[in-house]
C-alpha atoms as a PDB file:
ATOM      1  CA  MET A   1     -40.134 -42.421 -11.253  1.00  0.00           C
ATOM      2  CA  LYS A   2     -41.471 -41.826  -7.772  1.00  0.00           C
ATOM      3  CA  MET A   3     -39.649 -39.876  -5.088  1.00  0.00           C
ATOM      4  CA  ASN A   4     -39.631 -42.956  -2.840  1.00  0.00           C
ATOM      5  CA  ASP A   5     -37.774 -44.899  -5.531  1.00  0.00           C
ATOM      6  CA  LEU A   6     -35.125 -42.184  -5.701  1.00  0.00           C
ATOM      7  CA  ILE A   7     -34.487 -42.622  -1.980  1.00  0.00           C
ATOM      8  CA  ILE A   8     -33.696 -46.315  -2.493  1.00  0.00           C
ATOM      9  CA  TYR A   9     -31.560 -45.711  -5.584  1.00  0.00           C
ATOM     10  CA  GLY A  10     -29.600 -42.972  -3.856  1.00  0.00           C
ATOM     11  CA  CYS A  11     -28.859 -45.136  -0.829  1.00  0.00           C
ATOM     12  CA  VAL A  12     -27.760 -48.033  -3.036  1.00  0.00           C
ATOM     13  CA  ILE A  13     -25.422 -45.775  -5.028  1.00  0.00           C
ATOM     14  CA  ILE A  14     -23.953 -44.263  -1.859  1.00  0.00           C
ATOM     15  CA  GLY A  15     -23.492 -47.762  -0.444  1.00  0.00           C
ATOM     16  CA  ALA A  16     -21.781 -48.906  -3.639  1.00  0.00           C
ATOM     17  CA  GLY A  17     -19.440 -45.926  -3.544  1.00  0.00           C
ATOM     18  CA  ILE A  18     -18.443 -46.597   0.051  1.00  0.00           C
ATOM     19  CA  GLY A  19     -18.086 -50.281  -0.760  1.00  0.00           C
ATOM     20  CA  LEU A  20     -15.773 -49.593  -3.684  1.00  0.00           C
ATOM     21  CA  LEU A  21     -13.559 -47.497  -1.426  1.00  0.00           C
ATOM     22  CA  THR A  22     -13.373 -50.246   1.199  1.00  0.00           C
ATOM     23  CA  GLY A  23     -13.219 -53.217  -1.188  1.00  0.00           C
ATOM     24  CA  ASN A  24     -16.578 -54.696  -0.126  1.00  0.00           C
ATOM     25  CA  ALA A  25     -18.947 -53.317  -2.752  1.00  0.00           C
ATOM     26  CA  PHE A  26     -21.597 -56.056  -2.618  1.00  0.00           C
ATOM     27  CA  GLN A  27     -22.011 -55.922   1.155  1.00  0.00           C
ATOM     28  CA  PHE A  28     -22.362 -52.137   1.189  1.00  0.00           C
ATOM     29  CA  VAL A  29     -24.852 -52.238  -1.696  1.00  0.00           C
ATOM     30  CA  LEU A  30     -27.026 -54.535   0.405  1.00  0.00           C
ATOM     31  CA  ILE A  31     -26.627 -52.269   3.440  1.00  0.00           C
ATOM     32  CA  GLY A  32     -27.587 -49.271   1.295  1.00  0.00           C
ATOM     33  CA  LEU A  33     -30.620 -51.151   0.005  1.00  0.00           C
ATOM     34  CA  GLY A  34     -31.768 -51.911   3.537  1.00  0.00           C
ATOM     35  CA  VAL A  35     -31.253 -48.311   4.657  1.00  0.00           C
ATOM     36  CA  GLY A  36     -33.122 -47.125   1.558  1.00  0.00           C
ATOM     37  CA  PHE A  37     -36.115 -49.321   2.347  1.00  0.00           C
ATOM     38  CA  LEU A  38     -36.151 -48.073   5.948  1.00  0.00           C
ATOM     39  CA  LEU A  39     -36.015 -44.444   4.828  1.00  0.00           C
ATOM     40  CA  GLN A  40     -38.733 -45.081   2.242  1.00  0.00           C
ATOM     41  CA  TYR A  41     -40.931 -46.612   4.938  1.00  0.00           C
ATOM     42  CA  LEU A  42     -40.338 -43.715   7.311  1.00  0.00           C
ATOM     43  CA  ALA A  43     -40.963 -41.128   4.575  1.00  0.00           C
ATOM     44  CA  GLY A  44     -44.210 -42.820   3.588  1.00  0.00           C
ATOM     45  CA  LYS A  45     -45.314 -43.145   7.187  1.00  0.00           C
ATOM     46  CA  SER A  46     -44.828 -39.429   7.886  1.00  0.00           C
ATOM     47  CA  GLN A  47     -47.010 -38.447   4.907  1.00  0.00           C
ATOM     48  CA  HIS A  48     -50.095 -40.303   6.133  1.00  0.00           C
END
């Protein structure tokens, strides 16, 4: 498993946790996925 994949998985899990607390799990999972992809892009961009 790559470090970049862990960034996405972590953001999705955090989003799911917040979503379960608010009652909107699916929406926050998608928000976490989007944030994870943005962070993965930024992390990859800073390495090159």
